[in-house]
PDB file of N, CA and C in Angstrom:
ATOM      1  N   MET A   1     121.693 -59.032 -84.724  1.00  0.00           N
ATOM      2  CA  MET A   1     121.936 -57.592 -84.801  1.00  0.00           C
ATOM      3  C   MET A   1     120.759 -56.848 -84.175  1.00  0.00           C
ATOM      4  N   ASP A   2     121.015 -56.007 -83.211  1.00  0.00           N
ATOM      5  CA  ASP A   2     119.980 -55.238 -82.528  1.00  0.00           C
ATOM      6  C   ASP A   2     119.714 -53.951 -83.302  1.00  0.00           C
ATOM      7  N   LEU A   3     118.600 -53.912 -84.041  1.00  0.00           N
ATOM      8  CA  LEU A   3     118.283 -52.745 -84.858  1.00  0.00           C
ATOM      9  C   LEU A   3     117.647 -51.622 -84.053  1.00  0.00           C
ATOM     10  N   SER A   4     117.201 -51.903 -82.850  1.00  0.00           N
ATOM     11  CA  SER A   4     116.516 -50.862 -82.084  1.00  0.00           C
ATOM     12  C   SER A   4     117.487 -49.882 -81.440  1.00  0.00           C
ATOM     13  N   GLY A   5     118.757 -50.259 -81.319  1.00  0.00           N
ATOM     14  CA  GLY A   5     119.727 -49.345 -80.735  1.00  0.00           C
ATOM     15  C   GLY A   5     119.484 -49.140 -79.253  1.00  0.00           C
ATOM     16  N   GLY A   6     119.095 -50.166 -78.586  1.00  0.00           N
ATOM     17  CA  GLY A   6     118.757 -50.100 -77.176  1.00  0.00           C
ATOM     18  C   GLY A   6     117.667 -51.106 -76.941  1.00  0.00           C
ATOM     19  N   SER A   7     117.141 -51.097 -75.743  1.00  0.00           N
ATOM     20  CA  SER A   7     116.099 -52.077 -75.479  1.00  0.00           C
ATOM     21  C   SER A   7     114.814 -51.647 -76.185  1.00  0.00           C
ATOM     22  N   ALA A   8     114.255 -52.575 -76.919  1.00  0.00           N
ATOM     23  CA  ALA A   8     113.028 -52.285 -77.654  1.00  0.00           C
ATOM     24  C   ALA A   8     111.867 -52.164 -76.673  1.00  0.00           C
ATOM     25  N   LEU A   9     111.039 -51.163 -76.897  1.00  0.00           N
ATOM     26  CA  LEU A   9     109.839 -50.987 -76.069  1.00  0.00           C
ATOM     27  C   LEU A   9     108.706 -51.862 -76.576  1.00  0.00           C
ATOM     28  N   GLY A  10     108.785 -52.223 -77.845  1.00  0.00           N
ATOM     29  CA  GLY A  10     107.736 -53.029 -78.450  1.00  0.00           C
ATOM     30  C   GLY A  10     107.967 -53.129 -79.936  1.00  0.00           C
ATOM     31  N   LEU A  11     106.953 -53.588 -80.625  1.00  0.00           N
ATOM     32  CA  LEU A  11     107.026 -53.743 -82.073  1.00  0.00           C
ATOM     33  C   LEU A  11     106.056 -52.760 -82.727  1.00  0.00           C
ATOM     34  N   PHE A  12     106.586 -51.871 -83.544  1.00  0.00           N
ATOM     35  CA  PHE A  12     105.750 -50.947 -84.312  1.00  0.00           C
ATOM     36  C   PHE A  12     105.248 -51.698 -85.539  1.00  0.00           C
ATOM     37  N   THR A  13     103.951 -51.616 -85.827  1.00  0.00           N
ATOM     38  CA  THR A  13     103.391 -52.227 -87.029  1.00  0.00           C
ATOM     39  C   THR A  13     102.422 -51.250 -87.672  1.00  0.00           C
ATOM     40  N   CYS A  14     102.639 -50.956 -88.951  1.00  0.00           N
ATOM     41  CA  CYS A  14     101.735 -50.083 -89.705  1.00  0.00           C
ATOM     42  C   CYS A  14     100.451 -50.853 -89.987  1.00  0.00           C
ATOM     43  N   GLU A  15      99.320 -50.241 -89.689  1.00  0.00           N
ATOM     44  CA  GLU A  15      98.033 -50.898 -89.896  1.00  0.00           C
ATOM     45  C   GLU A  15      97.620 -50.928 -91.372  1.00  0.00           C
ATOM     46  N   LEU A  16      98.330 -50.202 -92.228  1.00  0.00           N
ATOM     47  CA  LEU A  16      97.984 -50.205 -93.654  1.00  0.00           C
ATOM     48  C   LEU A  16      98.864 -51.155 -94.464  1.00  0.00           C
ATOM     49  N   CYS A  17     100.174 -51.046 -94.322  1.00  0.00           N
ATOM     50  CA  CYS A  17     101.070 -51.878 -95.143  1.00  0.00           C
ATOM     51  C   CYS A  17     101.689 -53.040 -94.373  1.00  0.00           C
ATOM     52  N   GLU A  18     101.468 -53.073 -93.051  1.00  0.00           N
ATOM     53  CA  GLU A  18     101.958 -54.128 -92.173  1.00  0.00           C
ATOM     54  C   GLU A  18     103.479 -54.146 -91.998  1.00  0.00           C
ATOM     55  N   MET A  19     104.177 -53.078 -92.410  1.00  0.00           N
ATOM     56  CA  MET A  19     105.605 -52.968 -92.130  1.00  0.00           C
ATOM     57  C   MET A  19     105.759 -52.963 -90.614  1.00  0.00           C
ATOM     58  N   SER A  20     106.725 -53.716 -90.131  1.00  0.00           N
ATOM     59  CA  SER A  20     106.926 -53.721 -88.687  1.00  0.00           C
ATOM     60  C   SER A  20     108.409 -53.667 -88.347  1.00  0.00           C
ATOM     61  N   SER A  21     108.690 -53.106 -87.181  1.00  0.00           N
ATOM     62  CA  SER A  21     110.062 -52.961 -86.709  1.00  0.00           C
ATOM     63  C   SER A  21     110.017 -52.717 -85.207  1.00  0.00           C
ATOM     64  N   PRO A  22     111.022 -53.198 -84.493  1.00  0.00           N
ATOM     65  CA  PRO A  22     111.074 -52.846 -83.073  1.00  0.00           C
ATOM     66  C   PRO A  22     111.268 -51.329 -82.929  1.00  0.00           C
ATOM     67  N   TYR A  23     110.643 -50.739 -81.934  1.00  0.00           N
ATOM     68  CA  TYR A  23     110.878 -49.314 -81.680  1.00  0.00           C
ATOM     69  C   TYR A  23     111.481 -49.153 -80.298  1.00  0.00           C
ATOM     70  N   SER A  24     112.318 -48.129 -80.160  1.00  0.00           N
ATOM     71  CA  SER A  24     112.994 -47.913 -78.881  1.00  0.00           C
ATOM     72  C   SER A  24     112.565 -46.626 -78.185  1.00  0.00           C
ATOM     73  N   PHE A  25     111.729 -45.819 -78.859  1.00  0.00           N
ATOM     74  CA  PHE A  25     111.162 -44.659 -78.167  1.00  0.00           C
ATOM     75  C   PHE A  25     109.822 -44.303 -78.778  1.00  0.00           C
ATOM     76  N   TYR A  26     108.985 -43.677 -77.949  1.00  0.00           N
ATOM     77  CA  TYR A  26     107.713 -43.121 -78.403  1.00  0.00           C
ATOM     78  C   TYR A  26     107.608 -41.744 -77.780  1.00  0.00           C
ATOM     79  N   GLY A  27     107.340 -40.748 -78.597  1.00  0.00           N
ATOM     80  CA  GLY A  27     107.181 -39.391 -78.084  1.00  0.00           C
ATOM     81  C   GLY A  27     107.736 -38.365 -79.043  1.00  0.00           C
ATOM     82  N   GLN A  28     107.924 -37.168 -78.549  1.00  0.00           N
ATOM     83  CA  GLN A  28     108.424 -36.064 -79.367  1.00  0.00           C
ATOM     84  C   GLN A  28     109.910 -35.803 -79.153  1.00  0.00           C
ATOM     85  N   LYS A  29     110.517 -36.454 -78.165  1.00  0.00           N
ATOM     86  CA  LYS A  29     111.913 -36.198 -77.834  1.00  0.00           C
ATOM     87  C   LYS A  29     112.713 -37.490 -77.944  1.00  0.00           C
ATOM     88  N   PRO A  30     113.423 -37.682 -79.072  1.00  0.00           N
ATOM     89  CA  PRO A  30     114.254 -38.885 -79.214  1.00  0.00           C
ATOM     90  C   PRO A  30     115.369 -38.899 -78.165  1.00  0.00           C
ATOM     91  N   PRO A  31     115.714 -40.085 -77.660  1.00  0.00           N
ATOM     92  CA  PRO A  31     116.793 -40.158 -76.671  1.00  0.00           C
ATOM     93  C   PRO A  31     118.140 -39.782 -77.290  1.00  0.00           C
ATOM     94  N   ASN A  32     119.053 -39.350 -76.457  1.00  0.00           N
ATOM     95  CA  ASN A  32     120.418 -38.985 -76.868  1.00  0.00           C
ATOM     96  C   ASN A  32     120.466 -37.799 -77.829  1.00  0.00           C
ATOM     97  N   THR A  33     119.426 -36.994 -77.859  1.00  0.00           N
ATOM     98  CA  THR A  33     119.436 -35.780 -78.682  1.00  0.00           C
ATOM     99  C   THR A  33     119.265 -34.588 -77.746  1.00  0.00           C
ATOM    100  N   ARG A  34     119.852 -33.478 -78.127  1.00  0.00           N
ATOM    101  CA  ARG A  34     119.801 -32.304 -77.246  1.00  0.00           C
ATOM    102  C   ARG A  34     118.644 -31.380 -77.592  1.00  0.00           C
ATOM    103  N   ALA A  35     118.665 -30.848 -78.789  1.00  0.00           N
ATOM    104  CA  ALA A  35     117.736 -29.773 -79.127  1.00  0.00           C
ATOM    105  C   ALA A  35     116.639 -30.220 -80.092  1.00  0.00           C
ATOM    106  N   ILE A  36     116.424 -31.511 -80.227  1.00  0.00           N
ATOM    107  CA  ILE A  36     115.430 -31.988 -81.192  1.00  0.00           C
ATOM    108  C   ILE A  36     114.116 -32.277 -80.487  1.00  0.00           C
ATOM    109  N   VAL A  37     113.054 -31.624 -80.955  1.00  0.00           N
ATOM    110  CA  VAL A  37     111.703 -31.916 -80.518  1.00  0.00           C
ATOM    111  C   VAL A  37     110.880 -32.110 -81.788  1.00  0.00           C
ATOM    112  N   LEU A  38     110.323 -33.297 -81.944  1.00  0.00           N
ATOM    113  CA  LEU A  38     109.544 -33.614 -83.140  1.00  0.00           C
ATOM    114  C   LEU A  38     108.167 -32.971 -83.071  1.00  0.00           C
ATOM    115  N   LEU A  39     107.536 -32.791 -84.210  1.00  0.00           N
ATOM    116  CA  LEU A  39     106.235 -32.121 -84.283  1.00  0.00           C
ATOM    117  C   LEU A  39     105.063 -33.033 -83.951  1.00  0.00           C
ATOM    118  N   GLU A  40     105.349 -34.309 -83.701  1.00  0.00           N
ATOM    119  CA  GLU A  40     104.286 -35.251 -83.382  1.00  0.00           C
ATOM    120  C   GLU A  40     104.819 -36.318 -82.435  1.00  0.00           C
ATOM    121  N   GLU A  41     103.921 -36.946 -81.709  1.00  0.00           N
ATOM    122  CA  GLU A  41     104.264 -38.113 -80.905  1.00  0.00           C
ATOM    123  C   GLU A  41     104.476 -39.242 -81.898  1.00  0.00           C
ATOM    124  N   CYS A  42     105.667 -39.814 -81.916  1.00  0.00           N
ATOM    125  CA  CYS A  42     105.918 -40.848 -82.920  1.00  0.00           C
ATOM    126  C   CYS A  42     106.743 -41.993 -82.357  1.00  0.00           C
ATOM    127  N   TYR A  43     106.728 -43.084 -83.093  1.00  0.00           N
ATOM    128  CA  TYR A  43     107.525 -44.262 -82.788  1.00  0.00           C
ATOM    129  C   TYR A  43     108.850 -44.123 -83.525  1.00  0.00           C
ATOM    130  N   GLY A  44     109.938 -44.439 -82.858  1.00  0.00           N
ATOM    131  CA  GLY A  44     111.227 -44.306 -83.506  1.00  0.00           C
ATOM    132  C   GLY A  44     112.240 -45.285 -82.964  1.00  0.00           C
ATOM    133  N   MET A  45     113.375 -45.269 -83.598  1.00  0.00           N
ATOM    134  CA  MET A  45     114.475 -46.148 -83.204  1.00  0.00           C
ATOM    135  C   MET A  45     115.792 -45.490 -83.556  1.00  0.00           C
ATOM    136  N   LYS A  46     116.867 -45.957 -82.952  1.00  0.00           N
ATOM    137  CA  LYS A  46     118.196 -45.487 -83.301  1.00  0.00           C
ATOM    138  C   LYS A  46     118.448 -45.895 -84.746  1.00  0.00           C
ATOM    139  N   ASP A  47     119.110 -45.044 -85.507  1.00  0.00           N
ATOM    140  CA  ASP A  47     119.444 -45.363 -86.896  1.00  0.00           C
ATOM    141  C   ASP A  47     120.464 -46.505 -86.900  1.00  0.00           C
ATOM    142  N   PRO A  48     120.080 -47.680 -87.404  1.00  0.00           N
ATOM    143  CA  PRO A  48     120.998 -48.823 -87.374  1.00  0.00           C
ATOM    144  C   PRO A  48     122.168 -48.678 -88.345  1.00  0.00           C
ATOM    145  N   PHE A  49     122.111 -47.701 -89.237  1.00  0.00           N
ATOM    146  CA  PHE A  49     123.149 -47.510 -90.242  1.00  0.00           C
ATOM    147  C   PHE A  49     124.155 -46.436 -89.852  1.00  0.00           C
ATOM    148  N   SER A  50     123.974 -45.850 -88.670  1.00  0.00           N
ATOM    149  CA  SER A  50     124.866 -44.787 -88.228  1.00  0.00           C
ATOM    150  C   SER A  50     125.485 -45.149 -86.875  1.00  0.00           C
ATOM    151  N   PRO A  51     126.803 -44.961 -86.734  1.00  0.00           N
ATOM    152  CA  PRO A  51     127.436 -45.230 -85.444  1.00  0.00           C
ATOM    153  C   PRO A  51     127.171 -44.116 -84.418  1.00  0.00           C
ATOM    154  N   GLU A  52     126.659 -42.982 -84.873  1.00  0.00           N
ATOM    155  CA  GLU A  52     126.405 -41.857 -83.979  1.00  0.00           C
ATOM    156  C   GLU A  52     125.159 -42.107 -83.139  1.00  0.00           C
ATOM    157  N   ARG A  53     125.278 -41.936 -81.835  1.00  0.00           N
ATOM    158  CA  ARG A  53     124.180 -42.243 -80.909  1.00  0.00           C
ATOM    159  C   ARG A  53     122.959 -41.363 -81.124  1.00  0.00           C
ATOM    160  N   GLU A  54     123.165 -40.124 -81.574  1.00  0.00           N
ATOM    161  CA  GLU A  54     122.027 -39.200 -81.683  1.00  0.00           C
ATOM    162  C   GLU A  54     121.250 -39.322 -82.995  1.00  0.00           C
ATOM    163  N   LYS A  55     121.671 -40.175 -83.898  1.00  0.00           N
ATOM    164  CA  LYS A  55     120.934 -40.373 -85.152  1.00  0.00           C
ATOM    165  C   LYS A  55     119.770 -41.327 -84.900  1.00  0.00           C
ATOM    166  N   PHE A  56     118.604 -41.003 -85.458  1.00  0.00           N
ATOM    167  CA  PHE A  56     117.429 -41.830 -85.227  1.00  0.00           C
ATOM    168  C   PHE A  56     116.551 -41.871 -86.474  1.00  0.00           C
ATOM    169  N   LEU A  57     115.646 -42.825 -86.504  1.00  0.00           N
ATOM    170  CA  LEU A  57     114.670 -42.958 -87.588  1.00  0.00           C
ATOM    171  C   LEU A  57     113.274 -42.859 -86.994  1.00  0.00           C
ATOM    172  N   VAL A  58     112.401 -42.129 -87.660  1.00  0.00           N
ATOM    173  CA  VAL A  58     111.001 -42.088 -87.271  1.00  0.00           C
ATOM    174  C   VAL A  58     110.302 -43.183 -88.076  1.00  0.00           C
ATOM    175  N   LEU A  59     109.631 -44.081 -87.376  1.00  0.00           N
ATOM    176  CA  LEU A  59     108.933 -45.187 -88.030  1.00  0.00           C
ATOM    177  C   LEU A  59     107.509 -44.810 -88.410  1.00  0.00           C
ATOM    178  N   GLY A  60     106.817 -44.140 -87.515  1.00  0.00           N
ATOM    179  CA  GLY A  60     105.433 -43.775 -87.792  1.00  0.00           C
ATOM    180  C   GLY A  60     104.781 -43.127 -86.592  1.00  0.00           C
ATOM    181  N   SER A  61     103.470 -42.982 -86.705  1.00  0.00           N
ATOM    182  CA  SER A  61     102.698 -42.307 -85.680  1.00  0.00           C
ATOM    183  C   SER A  61     101.245 -42.744 -85.802  1.00  0.00           C
ATOM    184  N   LYS A  62     100.374 -42.091 -85.048  1.00  0.00           N
ATOM    185  CA  LYS A  62      98.940 -42.383 -85.134  1.00  0.00           C
ATOM    186  C   LYS A  62      98.250 -41.306 -85.972  1.00  0.00           C
ATOM    187  N   CYS A  63      97.309 -41.716 -86.803  1.00  0.00           N
ATOM    188  CA  CYS A  63      96.507 -40.772 -87.582  1.00  0.00           C
ATOM    189  C   CYS A  63      95.718 -39.910 -86.597  1.00  0.00           C
ATOM    190  N   CYS A  64      95.747 -38.607 -86.799  1.00  0.00           N
ATOM    191  CA  CYS A  64      95.062 -37.701 -85.870  1.00  0.00           C
ATOM    192  C   CYS A  64      93.540 -37.777 -85.988  1.00  0.00           C
ATOM    193  N   LEU A  65      93.022 -38.402 -87.061  1.00  0.00           N
ATOM    194  CA  LEU A  65      91.574 -38.514 -87.220  1.00  0.00           C
ATOM    195  C   LEU A  65      91.029 -39.864 -86.746  1.00  0.00           C
ATOM    196  N   CYS A  66      91.632 -40.967 -87.214  1.00  0.00           N
ATOM    197  CA  CYS A  66      91.078 -42.292 -86.902  1.00  0.00           C
ATOM    198  C   CYS A  66      91.920 -43.078 -85.893  1.00  0.00           C
ATOM    199  N   SER A  67      93.086 -42.549 -85.536  1.00  0.00           N
ATOM    200  CA  SER A  67      93.997 -43.163 -84.562  1.00  0.00           C
ATOM    201  C   SER A  67      94.657 -44.463 -85.018  1.00  0.00           C
ATOM    202  N   LYS A  68      94.582 -44.788 -86.312  1.00  0.00           N
ATOM    203  CA  LYS A  68      95.317 -45.953 -86.808  1.00  0.00           C
ATOM    204  C   LYS A  68      96.808 -45.668 -86.702  1.00  0.00           C
ATOM    205  N   THR A  69      97.582 -46.700 -86.391  1.00  0.00           N
ATOM    206  CA  THR A  69      99.027 -46.580 -86.361  1.00  0.00           C
ATOM    207  C   THR A  69      99.528 -46.767 -87.785  1.00  0.00           C
ATOM    208  N   VAL A  70     100.208 -45.743 -88.315  1.00  0.00           N
ATOM    209  CA  VAL A  70     100.663 -45.788 -89.703  1.00  0.00           C
ATOM    210  C   VAL A  70     102.135 -45.398 -89.802  1.00  0.00           C
ATOM    211  N   CYS A  71     102.822 -45.990 -90.788  1.00  0.00           N
ATOM    212  CA  CYS A  71     104.225 -45.652 -91.012  1.00  0.00           C
ATOM    213  C   CYS A  71     104.316 -44.340 -91.785  1.00  0.00           C
ATOM    214  N   VAL A  72     105.520 -43.829 -91.911  1.00  0.00           N
ATOM    215  CA  VAL A  72     105.733 -42.567 -92.604  1.00  0.00           C
ATOM    216  C   VAL A  72     105.864 -42.756 -94.114  1.00  0.00           C
ATOM    217  N   GLY A  73     105.681 -43.971 -94.602  1.00  0.00           N
ATOM    218  CA  GLY A  73     105.766 -44.240 -96.036  1.00  0.00           C
ATOM    219  C   GLY A  73     104.745 -43.435 -96.819  1.00  0.00           C
ATOM    220  N   MET A  74     105.130 -43.012 -98.012  1.00  0.00           N
ATOM    221  CA  MET A  74     104.276 -42.146 -98.837  1.00  0.00           C
ATOM    222  C   MET A  74     102.958 -42.816 -99.232  1.00  0.00           C
ATOM    223  N   ASP A  75     102.906 -44.133 -99.225  1.00  0.00           N
ATOM    224  CA  ASP A  75     101.674 -44.834 -99.575  1.00  0.00           C
ATOM    225  C   ASP A  75     100.756 -45.040 -98.373  1.00  0.00           C
ATOM    226  N   CYS A  76     101.224 -44.671 -97.186  1.00  0.00           N
ATOM    227  CA  CYS A  76     100.446 -44.920 -95.977  1.00  0.00           C
ATOM    228  C   CYS A  76     100.002 -43.661 -95.241  1.00  0.00           C
ATOM    229  N   SER A  77     100.838 -42.619 -95.250  1.00  0.00           N
ATOM    230  CA  SER A  77     100.461 -41.436 -94.481  1.00  0.00           C
ATOM    231  C   SER A  77     101.044 -40.162 -95.060  1.00  0.00           C
ATOM    232  N   LEU A  78     100.540 -39.065 -94.518  1.00  0.00           N
ATOM    233  CA  LEU A  78     100.947 -37.730 -94.932  1.00  0.00           C
ATOM    234  C   LEU A  78     101.040 -36.887 -93.669  1.00  0.00           C
ATOM    235  N   PHE A  79     102.106 -36.091 -93.577  1.00  0.00           N
ATOM    236  CA  PHE A  79     102.206 -35.159 -92.451  1.00  0.00           C
ATOM    237  C   PHE A  79     101.916 -33.768 -92.988  1.00  0.00           C
ATOM    238  N   TYR A  80     100.833 -33.186 -92.505  1.00  0.00           N
ATOM    239  CA  TYR A  80     100.498 -31.803 -92.823  1.00  0.00           C
ATOM    240  C   TYR A  80      99.980 -31.190 -91.529  1.00  0.00           C
ATOM    241  N   THR A  81     100.821 -30.566 -90.779  1.00  0.00           N
ATOM    242  CA  THR A  81     100.617 -30.046 -89.424  1.00  0.00           C
ATOM    243  C   THR A  81     100.392 -31.171 -88.413  1.00  0.00           C
ATOM    244  N   LYS A  82      99.794 -32.276 -88.849  1.00  0.00           N
ATOM    245  CA  LYS A  82      99.587 -33.477 -88.046  1.00  0.00           C
ATOM    246  C   LYS A  82      99.696 -34.671 -88.989  1.00  0.00           C
ATOM    247  N   ARG A  83      99.758 -35.882 -88.426  1.00  0.00           N
ATOM    248  CA  ARG A  83      99.841 -37.107 -89.229  1.00  0.00           C
ATOM    249  C   ARG A  83      98.435 -37.557 -89.627  1.00  0.00           C
ATOM    250  N   PHE A  84      98.257 -37.842 -90.911  1.00  0.00           N
ATOM    251  CA  PHE A  84      96.992 -38.352 -91.439  1.00  0.00           C
ATOM    252  C   PHE A  84      97.275 -39.624 -92.221  1.00  0.00           C
ATOM    253  N   CYS A  85      96.464 -40.667 -92.024  1.00  0.00           N
ATOM    254  CA  CYS A  85      96.595 -41.845 -92.879  1.00  0.00           C
ATOM    255  C   CYS A  85      95.993 -41.486 -94.238  1.00  0.00           C
ATOM    256  N   LEU A  86      96.444 -42.137 -95.301  1.00  0.00           N
ATOM    257  CA  LEU A  86      95.944 -41.783 -96.637  1.00  0.00           C
ATOM    258  C   LEU A  86      94.448 -42.030 -96.808  1.00  0.00           C
ATOM    259  N   PRO A  87      93.851 -43.082 -96.205  1.00  0.00           N
ATOM    260  CA  PRO A  87      92.391 -43.189 -96.323  1.00  0.00           C
ATOM    261  C   PRO A  87      91.660 -41.968 -95.752  1.00  0.00           C
ATOM    262  N   CYS A  88      92.131 -41.418 -94.640  1.00  0.00           N
ATOM    263  CA  CYS A  88      91.508 -40.211 -94.075  1.00  0.00           C
ATOM    264  C   CYS A  88      91.786 -38.992 -94.951  1.00  0.00           C
ATOM    265  N   VAL A  89      92.986 -38.918 -95.532  1.00  0.00           N
ATOM    266  CA  VAL A  89      93.295 -37.807 -96.443  1.00  0.00           C
ATOM    267  C   VAL A  89      92.314 -37.835 -97.612  1.00  0.00           C
ATOM    268  N   ARG A  90      92.125 -39.003 -98.193  1.00  0.00           N
ATOM    269  CA  ARG A  90      91.208 -39.110 -99.347  1.00  0.00           C
ATOM    270  C   ARG A  90      89.770 -38.788 -98.949  1.00  0.00           C
ATOM    271  N   ALA A  91      89.352 -39.221 -97.758  1.00  0.00           N
ATOM    272  CA  ALA A  91      87.988 -38.969 -97.294  1.00  0.00           C
ATOM    273  C   ALA A  91      87.737 -37.479 -97.013  1.00  0.00           C
ATOM    274  N   HIS A  92      88.784 -36.755 -96.678  1.00  0.00           N
ATOM    275  CA  HIS A  92      88.649 -35.331 -96.326  1.00  0.00           C
ATOM    276  C   HIS A  92      89.486 -34.453 -97.245  1.00  0.00           C
ATOM    277  N   LEU A  93      89.743 -34.921 -98.462  1.00  0.00           N
ATOM    278  CA  LEU A  93      90.657 -34.245 -99.372  1.00  0.00           C
ATOM    279  C   LEU A  93      90.287 -32.774 -99.597  1.00  0.00           C
ATOM    280  N   HIS A  94      88.999 -32.483 -99.692  1.00  0.00           N
ATOM    281  CA  HIS A  94      88.553 -31.108 -99.948  1.00  0.00           C
ATOM    282  C   HIS A  94      88.936 -30.137 -98.823  1.00  0.00           C
ATOM    283  N   GLN A  95      89.294 -30.657 -97.638  1.00  0.00           N
ATOM    284  CA  GLN A  95      89.659 -29.801 -96.515  1.00  0.00           C
ATOM    285  C   GLN A  95      91.149 -29.467 -96.481  1.00  0.00           C
ATOM    286  N   PHE A  96      91.927 -30.091 -97.373  1.00  0.00           N
ATOM    287  CA  PHE A  96      93.361 -29.824 -97.435  1.00  0.00           C
ATOM    288  C   PHE A  96      93.634 -28.720 -98.451  1.00  0.00           C
ATOM    289  N   PRO A  97      94.774 -28.043 -98.335  1.00  0.00           N
ATOM    290  CA  PRO A  97      95.137 -27.020 -99.319  1.00  0.00           C
ATOM    291  C   PRO A  97      95.267 -27.623-100.719  1.00  0.00           C
ATOM    292  N   GLU A  98      95.105 -26.791-101.708  1.00  0.00           N
ATOM    293  CA  GLU A  98      95.127 -27.232-103.103  1.00  0.00           C
ATOM    294  C   GLU A  98      96.408 -27.988-103.449  1.00  0.00           C
ATOM    295  N   GLN A  99      97.533 -27.529-102.942  1.00  0.00           N
ATOM    296  CA  GLN A  99      98.809 -28.186-103.237  1.00  0.00           C
ATOM    297  C   GLN A  99      98.803 -29.644-102.735  1.00  0.00           C
ATOM    298  N   VAL A 100      98.263 -29.876-101.547  1.00  0.00           N
ATOM    299  CA  VAL A 100      98.174 -31.237-101.003  1.00  0.00           C
ATOM    300  C   VAL A 100      97.193 -32.056-101.833  1.00  0.00           C
ATOM    301  N   GLN A 101      96.071 -31.473-102.188  1.00  0.00           N
ATOM    302  CA  GLN A 101      95.079 -32.171-103.021  1.00  0.00           C
ATOM    303  C   GLN A 101      95.699 -32.612-104.342  1.00  0.00           C
ATOM    304  N   ASN A 102      96.432 -31.712-104.991  1.00  0.00           N
ATOM    305  CA  ASN A 102      97.064 -32.034-106.271  1.00  0.00           C
ATOM    306  C   ASN A 102      98.079 -33.163-106.127  1.00  0.00           C
ATOM    307  N   GLU A 103      98.857 -33.134-105.063  1.00  0.00           N
ATOM    308  CA  GLU A 103      99.865 -34.178-104.834  1.00  0.00           C
ATOM    309  C   GLU A 103      99.205 -35.541-104.622  1.00  0.00           C
ATOM    310  N   VAL A 104      98.131 -35.577-103.847  1.00  0.00           N
ATOM    311  CA  VAL A 104      97.422 -36.838-103.604  1.00  0.00           C
ATOM    312  C   VAL A 104      96.789 -37.347-104.898  1.00  0.00           C
ATOM    313  N   LEU A 105      96.194 -36.462-105.672  1.00  0.00           N
ATOM    314  CA  LEU A 105      95.576 -36.871-106.936  1.00  0.00           C
ATOM    315  C   LEU A 105      96.629 -37.332-107.939  1.00  0.00           C
ATOM    316  N   ARG A 106      97.783 -36.663-107.968  1.00  0.00           N
ATOM    317  CA  ARG A 106      98.868 -37.055-108.860  1.00  0.00           C
ATOM    318  C   ARG A 106      99.381 -38.442-108.485  1.00  0.00           C
ATOM    319  N   LYS A 107      99.566 -38.665-107.193  1.00  0.00           N
ATOM    320  CA  LYS A 107     100.041 -39.951-106.706  1.00  0.00           C
ATOM    321  C   LYS A 107      99.055 -41.067-107.062  1.00  0.00           C
ATOM    322  N   LYS A 108      97.763 -40.757-106.957  1.00  0.00           N
ATOM    323  CA  LYS A 108      96.722 -41.730-107.272  1.00  0.00           C
ATOM    324  C   LYS A 108      96.755 -42.104-108.750  1.00  0.00           C
ATOM    325  N   SER A 109      96.959 -41.123-109.642  1.00  0.00           N
ATOM    326  CA  SER A 109      97.005 -41.403-111.081  1.00  0.00           C
ATOM    327  C   SER A 109      98.262 -42.184-111.460  1.00  0.00           C
ATOM    328  N   VAL A 110      99.371 -41.931-110.777  1.00  0.00           N
ATOM    329  CA  VAL A 110     100.601 -42.702-111.023  1.00  0.00           C
ATOM    330  C   VAL A 110     100.386 -44.156-110.603  1.00  0.00           C
ATOM    331  N   GLN A 111      99.717 -44.376-109.474  1.00  0.00           N
ATOM    332  CA  GLN A 111      99.439 -45.742-109.016  1.00  0.00           C
ATOM    333  C   GLN A 111      98.543 -46.477-110.009  1.00  0.00           C
ATOM    334  N   LYS A 112      97.539 -45.794-110.552  1.00  0.00           N
ATOM    335  CA  LYS A 112      96.649 -46.423-111.538  1.00  0.00           C
ATOM    336  C   LYS A 112      97.413 -46.823-112.786  1.00  0.00           C
ATOM    337  N   MET A 113      98.309 -45.935-113.266  1.00  0.00           N
ATOM    338  CA  MET A 113      99.085 -46.236-114.471  1.00  0.00           C
ATOM    339  C   MET A 113     100.025 -47.407-114.234  1.00  0.00           C
ATOM    340  N   SER A 114     100.635 -47.496-113.064  1.00  0.00           N
ATOM    341  CA  SER A 114     101.588 -48.582-112.799  1.00  0.00           C
ATOM    342  C   SER A 114     100.897 -49.919-112.566  1.00  0.00           C
ATOM    343  N   SER A 115      99.628 -49.886-112.156  1.00  0.00           N
ATOM    344  CA  SER A 115      98.912 -51.152-111.939  1.00  0.00           C
ATOM    345  C   SER A 115      98.148 -51.616-113.182  1.00  0.00           C
ATOM    346  N   SER A 116      98.137 -50.800-114.229  1.00  0.00           N
ATOM    347  CA  SER A 116      97.430 -51.178-115.461  1.00  0.00           C
ATOM    348  C   SER A 116      98.221 -52.161-116.280  1.00  0.00           C
TER     349      SER A 116
END
């Protein structure tokens, strides 16, 4: 089964969680879409669960601070005007708005409780 929905350009791999998947486009304009322009240069693929050609999945992007390739998973990155990996978010947490700080701190406390 070809999950890339076309010829794969390569293999996307998150540098934090090691999730990997073939990707079929990189950029802000997914193929087979008319008016969609994404807010970041990202790796993506055709949605393997949809028969519609214009449906796609964003796999991840590069952290705007350290340039690590990270997936869009909540444990790996955060999009706030740009993509940030969570280690960079934590290192620069005081520079984010209070709402983002609270969400990151809440997520951290939930992780501690679940690992106890």
